[in-house]
Amino acid sequence: MAEVLGFPPSFVFGAATAAYQIEGHTKADGRGECIWDRFATIPGAIEEGVSGEGACDHYARWEQDIALMQAL
């Protein structure tokens, strides 16, 4: 597959995430406030005043997310 896309056979694909962007449930199970939680509450700091409270809900969907990563 990598060769079809123009990458050499030795090329290693990777992935990364940022906790604030994927986890959601910012107040669950004793999670403490992070700098982004506080920053998102500053009026005008974030476009449309959105926060990471929901994110993409990895906190509740971790089993599905791991299955997706395994399929990759």
Protein backbone atom coordinates (compact mmCIF):
# COMPACT_ATOMS: atom_id res chain seq x y z
CA MET A 1 0.00 0.00 0.00
CA ALA A 2 2.78 2.46 0.91
CA GLU A 3 4.41 1.92 -2.49
CA VAL A 4 1.12 2.67 -4.24
CA LEU A 5 1.00 6.01 -2.45
CA GLY A 6 4.60 6.82 -3.40
CA PHE A 7 6.24 6.02 -0.07
CA PRO A 8 9.25 3.69 0.13
CA PRO A 9 8.61 0.20 1.58
CA SER A 10 10.54 1.15 4.75
CA PHE A 11 8.26 4.14 5.47
CA VAL A 12 6.45 3.79 8.81
CA PHE A 13 3.09 5.48 9.22
CA GLY A 14 2.14 6.86 12.63
CA ALA A 15 -0.65 8.68 14.37
CA ALA A 16 -0.94 11.03 17.31
CA THR A 17 -3.59 12.69 19.40
CA ALA A 18 -3.88 15.43 21.96
CA ALA A 19 -5.82 14.59 25.11
CA TYR A 20 -7.85 17.79 25.13
CA GLN A 21 -8.95 17.22 21.53
CA ILE A 22 -10.17 13.65 21.89
CA GLU A 23 -11.01 12.69 25.46
CA GLY A 24 -14.07 14.69 26.42
CA HIS A 25 -15.64 14.30 29.88
CA THR A 26 -13.46 17.03 31.30
CA LYS A 27 -14.84 16.64 34.81
CA ALA A 28 -15.16 12.84 35.04
CA ASP A 29 -13.44 10.52 37.51
CA GLY A 30 -11.47 13.20 39.31
CA ARG A 31 -9.80 14.61 36.22
CA GLY A 32 -8.20 17.89 37.17
CA GLU A 33 -8.39 21.10 35.23
CA CYS A 34 -5.81 21.51 32.49
CA ILE A 35 -4.58 24.76 31.01
CA TRP A 36 -6.87 24.33 28.00
CA ASP A 37 -9.94 23.93 30.22
CA ARG A 38 -9.18 27.28 31.77
CA PHE A 39 -8.15 28.96 28.48
CA ALA A 40 -11.44 27.92 26.83
CA THR A 41 -13.37 29.90 29.46
CA ILE A 42 -11.71 33.22 28.55
CA PRO A 43 -14.22 35.23 26.50
CA GLY A 44 -12.97 35.58 22.92
CA ALA A 45 -10.08 33.12 23.34
CA ILE A 46 -11.78 30.37 21.35
CA GLU A 47 -13.84 31.01 18.22
CA GLU A 48 -17.55 30.73 18.99
CA GLY A 49 -16.72 29.98 22.66
CA VAL A 50 -16.57 26.21 22.16
CA SER A 51 -14.70 23.94 24.57
CA GLY A 52 -13.25 20.45 24.68
CA GLU A 53 -15.97 19.23 27.03
CA GLY A 54 -17.38 16.88 24.41
CA ALA A 55 -14.34 16.52 22.15
CA CYS A 56 -14.79 13.30 20.17
CA ASP A 57 -15.67 11.40 23.36
CA HIS A 58 -12.78 8.95 23.49
CA TYR A 59 -13.44 8.67 27.23
CA ALA A 60 -16.69 6.81 26.57
CA ARG A 61 -15.81 5.33 23.16
CA TRP A 62 -12.30 4.03 23.85
CA GLU A 63 -13.12 0.42 22.94
CA GLN A 64 -14.47 1.47 19.54
CA ASP A 65 -11.49 3.78 19.01
CA ILE A 66 -9.00 1.01 19.75
CA ALA A 67 -10.81 -1.29 17.32
CA LEU A 68 -10.53 1.42 14.66
CA MET A 69 -6.81 1.84 15.33
CA GLN A 70 -6.28 -1.92 15.09
CA ALA A 71 -8.10 -1.95 11.75
CA LEU A 72 -5.73 0.69 10.41
